[in-house]
Amino acid sequence: MELKVESPEDVIFPPLPELSYVCSGKISDVKCSGPSIYRDQDLVTATAADLISSMSVSTLIRTKLRGRKRDRWLGYLSKYGIEIEPREFTTILKTGSLITIYADGIDFEDVPGNVVFKEFRVTGTGSMNNVIEKLMEIEPRLIVAESRGNLWYLVSAFKLVAMDPAIRKALEKLINVTRLECDEISFLKNGKTCFKRN
């Protein structure tokens, strides 16, 4: 089943490679003559223990990062108001999620802009249904749930924080383009779950 782009943030979830292309109505990492999307990745990752010890994104940035990267991230914090919401914090504790906050530069058709989003990632064994239900509490735009037989699973939930208006407008051109191939798609309150089974 094809998961199509319905709004600009659907282009960026899950994170794109550094260079991807729009080929025959699909976003792909295979080079073609279609337009390209360039991604300049910038991220910070934290465990539940990191968040408990720091109690705020600002403290997390100050303790985990150094030099220019710390200065850059302090700028992102003030510009985009990045924080961990109480229900996100609770969900991280309940699921043992690894959270990654991205502040990526995206360039599409010579229009640059920043996109800030969160990824909540959980790996485990057994059934992933309970994890998916708990991640749904944070109202993500997309959940990607991958299972490897009955051995293990990887579930990632993505949530937009901010997108610069210029890149939002540029990415609107990609509405109805295929973003992902899924074995099954289910609908959430404000998004979708893409199931992939191997």
Protein backbone atom coordinates (compact mmCIF):
# COMPACT_ATOMS: atom_id res chain seq x y z
CA MET A 1 0.00 0.00 0.00
CA GLU A 2 1.22 3.49 -0.81
CA LEU A 3 1.37 6.17 1.88
CA LYS A 4 0.88 9.47 0.08
CA VAL A 5 1.86 13.00 1.05
CA GLU A 6 -1.23 14.88 2.27
CA SER A 7 0.52 17.86 3.87
CA PRO A 8 4.10 19.27 3.80
CA GLU A 9 5.21 17.51 7.01
CA ASP A 10 4.42 14.14 5.42
CA VAL A 11 7.45 14.70 3.17
CA ILE A 12 9.89 14.74 6.10
CA PHE A 13 8.60 11.71 8.10
CA PRO A 14 10.48 9.42 8.44
CA PRO A 15 13.74 11.41 8.00
CA LEU A 16 14.92 11.60 4.41
CA PRO A 17 18.47 10.73 3.33
CA GLU A 18 20.80 13.64 2.56
CA LEU A 19 19.64 13.67 -1.06
CA SER A 20 16.39 12.27 -2.41
CA TYR A 21 14.49 12.66 -5.64
CA VAL A 22 10.91 12.86 -6.85
CA CYS A 23 10.71 10.16 -9.53
CA SER A 24 7.49 9.08 -11.29
CA GLY A 25 5.30 10.32 -8.45
CA LYS A 26 7.43 8.80 -5.66
CA ILE A 27 10.06 10.14 -3.28
CA SER A 28 13.14 7.95 -3.74
CA ASP A 29 16.85 7.89 -2.93
CA VAL A 30 17.53 6.65 -6.48
CA LYS A 31 18.77 9.46 -8.73
CA CYS A 32 16.49 10.49 -11.57
CA SER A 33 15.75 13.57 -13.66
CA GLY A 34 13.03 14.74 -11.24
CA PRO A 35 13.46 17.51 -8.64
CA SER A 36 15.70 16.79 -5.65
CA ILE A 37 15.24 17.33 -1.92
CA TYR A 38 18.40 18.14 0.05
CA ARG A 39 18.46 17.49 3.80
CA ASP A 40 21.09 18.95 6.14
CA GLN A 41 20.61 16.88 9.29
CA ASP A 42 21.02 18.31 12.79
CA LEU A 43 19.81 16.31 15.78
CA VAL A 44 20.04 15.64 19.48
CA THR A 45 19.07 12.32 21.08
CA ALA A 46 18.02 11.59 24.66
CA THR A 47 16.95 8.61 26.74
CA ALA A 48 14.33 8.66 29.49
CA ALA A 49 17.22 8.81 32.02
CA ASP A 50 18.67 11.88 30.24
CA LEU A 51 15.32 13.67 30.48
CA ILE A 52 14.83 12.77 34.14
CA SER A 53 18.27 14.10 35.05
CA SER A 54 17.95 17.30 33.01
CA MET A 55 14.17 17.98 33.37
CA SER A 56 14.15 20.37 30.38
CA VAL A 57 15.33 20.47 26.78
CA SER A 58 17.38 23.58 27.58
CA THR A 59 19.32 21.80 30.35
CA LEU A 60 19.67 18.72 28.13
CA ILE A 61 21.25 20.86 25.37
CA ARG A 62 23.59 22.59 27.82
CA THR A 63 24.81 19.30 29.32
CA LYS A 64 24.98 17.07 26.20
CA LEU A 65 26.30 19.48 23.57
CA ARG A 66 29.43 21.60 23.26
CA GLY A 67 30.80 24.42 21.12
CA ARG A 68 29.07 25.57 17.95
CA LYS A 69 26.50 22.77 18.06
CA ARG A 70 25.35 23.88 21.52
CA ASP A 71 25.12 27.52 20.37
CA ARG A 72 23.16 26.45 17.30
CA TRP A 73 20.72 24.38 19.37
CA LEU A 74 20.20 27.13 21.93
CA GLY A 75 19.23 29.31 18.94
CA TYR A 76 16.73 26.66 17.77
CA LEU A 77 15.25 26.50 21.27
CA SER A 78 14.58 30.22 21.41
CA LYS A 79 13.35 30.48 17.80
CA TYR A 80 11.09 27.41 17.69
CA GLY A 81 10.12 26.95 21.36
CA ILE A 82 11.24 23.31 21.46
CA GLU A 83 10.16 21.51 24.63
CA ILE A 84 9.03 18.12 25.87
CA GLU A 85 5.31 18.29 26.67
CA PRO A 86 4.12 16.59 29.90
CA ARG A 87 2.25 13.84 28.01
CA GLU A 88 5.33 13.24 25.82
CA PHE A 89 7.47 12.91 28.95
CA THR A 90 4.97 10.43 30.42
CA THR A 91 4.92 8.42 27.18
CA ILE A 92 8.73 8.31 27.08
CA LEU A 93 8.75 6.92 30.63
CA LYS A 94 5.96 4.39 29.91
CA THR A 95 7.54 3.05 26.72
CA GLY A 96 11.25 3.56 27.36
CA SER A 97 11.41 5.59 24.13
CA LEU A 98 14.58 7.04 22.73
CA ILE A 99 13.68 10.59 21.66
CA THR A 100 15.46 12.36 18.83
CA ILE A 101 14.79 16.02 18.14
CA TYR A 102 15.68 17.06 14.60
CA ALA A 103 16.31 20.63 13.41
CA ASP A 104 16.98 19.88 9.76
CA GLY A 105 17.68 22.26 6.93
CA ILE A 106 15.60 21.26 3.89
CA ASP A 107 16.09 22.61 0.37
CA PHE A 108 13.56 21.87 -2.37
CA GLU A 109 13.65 23.62 -5.75
CA ASP A 110 16.13 26.20 -4.39
CA VAL A 111 13.84 27.08 -1.48
CA PRO A 112 15.63 26.53 1.86
CA GLY A 113 14.07 26.33 5.30
CA ASN A 114 14.26 24.66 8.69
CA VAL A 115 12.02 21.84 9.87
CA VAL A 116 11.93 20.85 13.55
CA PHE A 117 10.36 17.55 14.58
CA LYS A 118 10.51 14.80 17.18
CA GLU A 119 10.93 11.06 16.77
CA PHE A 120 9.97 8.70 19.60
CA ARG A 121 11.58 5.29 18.96
CA VAL A 122 10.88 2.03 20.79
CA THR A 123 12.39 -1.40 20.13
CA GLY A 124 11.35 -4.62 21.79
CA THR A 125 10.20 -8.19 21.48
CA GLY A 126 6.72 -9.69 21.47
CA SER A 127 3.63 -7.68 20.61
CA MET A 128 4.02 -4.03 19.64
CA ASN A 129 0.29 -3.17 19.98
CA ASN A 130 0.66 -1.82 23.53
CA VAL A 131 3.58 0.41 22.45
CA ILE A 132 1.59 1.77 19.49
CA GLU A 133 -1.38 2.57 21.77
CA LYS A 134 0.86 4.46 24.20
CA LEU A 135 2.56 6.40 21.38
CA MET A 136 -0.86 7.38 20.02
CA GLU A 137 -1.39 9.40 23.24
CA ILE A 138 1.08 12.04 21.99
CA GLU A 139 -0.97 12.48 18.77
CA PRO A 140 1.84 11.91 16.25
CA ARG A 141 1.46 12.68 12.56
CA LEU A 142 2.95 9.30 11.61
CA ILE A 143 3.80 6.02 13.32
CA VAL A 144 5.99 3.55 11.43
CA ALA A 145 5.75 0.07 12.96
CA GLU A 146 8.20 -2.53 11.65
CA SER A 147 8.21 -6.16 12.77
CA ARG A 148 10.72 -8.90 11.97
CA GLY A 149 8.58 -12.01 12.19
CA ASN A 150 7.91 -12.70 15.86
CA LEU A 151 11.47 -11.83 16.84
CA TRP A 152 11.48 -8.08 17.44
CA TYR A 153 9.87 -4.78 16.48
CA LEU A 154 10.83 -1.17 15.91
CA VAL A 155 8.18 1.53 16.33
CA SER A 156 8.83 5.21 15.56
CA ALA A 157 6.33 8.03 16.11
CA PHE A 158 6.93 11.41 14.43
CA LYS A 159 5.57 14.77 15.49
CA LEU A 160 6.14 18.19 13.91
CA VAL A 161 7.33 21.07 16.09
CA ALA A 162 7.84 23.82 13.48
CA MET A 163 8.36 24.36 9.77
CA ASP A 164 9.55 27.59 8.15
CA PRO A 165 6.77 29.06 5.96
CA ALA A 166 8.86 29.19 2.74
CA ILE A 167 9.76 25.49 2.80
CA ARG A 168 6.19 24.58 3.82
CA LYS A 169 4.90 26.35 0.71
CA ALA A 170 7.53 24.67 -1.51
CA LEU A 171 6.76 21.19 -0.15
CA GLU A 172 3.04 21.66 -0.87
CA LYS A 173 3.95 20.86 -4.48
CA LEU A 174 4.57 17.27 -3.37
CA ILE A 175 1.02 16.61 -2.15
CA ASN A 176 -0.25 13.27 -3.58
CA VAL A 177 3.31 12.00 -4.19
CA THR A 178 4.02 8.54 -2.68
CA ARG A 179 6.25 8.77 0.41
CA LEU A 180 6.35 5.19 1.75
CA GLU A 181 5.34 1.65 0.89
CA CYS A 182 3.44 -0.05 3.73
CA ASP A 183 2.00 -3.52 4.20
CA GLU A 184 -0.96 -1.98 6.02
CA ILE A 185 -2.11 1.56 6.83
CA SER A 186 -4.40 2.53 9.70
CA PHE A 187 -5.72 5.97 10.58
CA LEU A 188 -5.00 7.91 13.77
CA LYS A 189 -6.70 11.00 15.17
CA ASN A 190 -4.32 13.35 13.33
CA GLY A 191 -2.26 10.99 11.21
CA LYS A 192 -1.56 7.41 10.16
CA THR A 193 0.24 4.24 11.13
CA CYS A 194 2.32 2.48 8.48
CA PHE A 195 2.92 -1.22 9.23
CA LYS A 196 5.90 -2.95 7.64
CA ARG A 197 6.38 -6.68 8.09
CA ASN A 198 9.50 -8.65 7.16
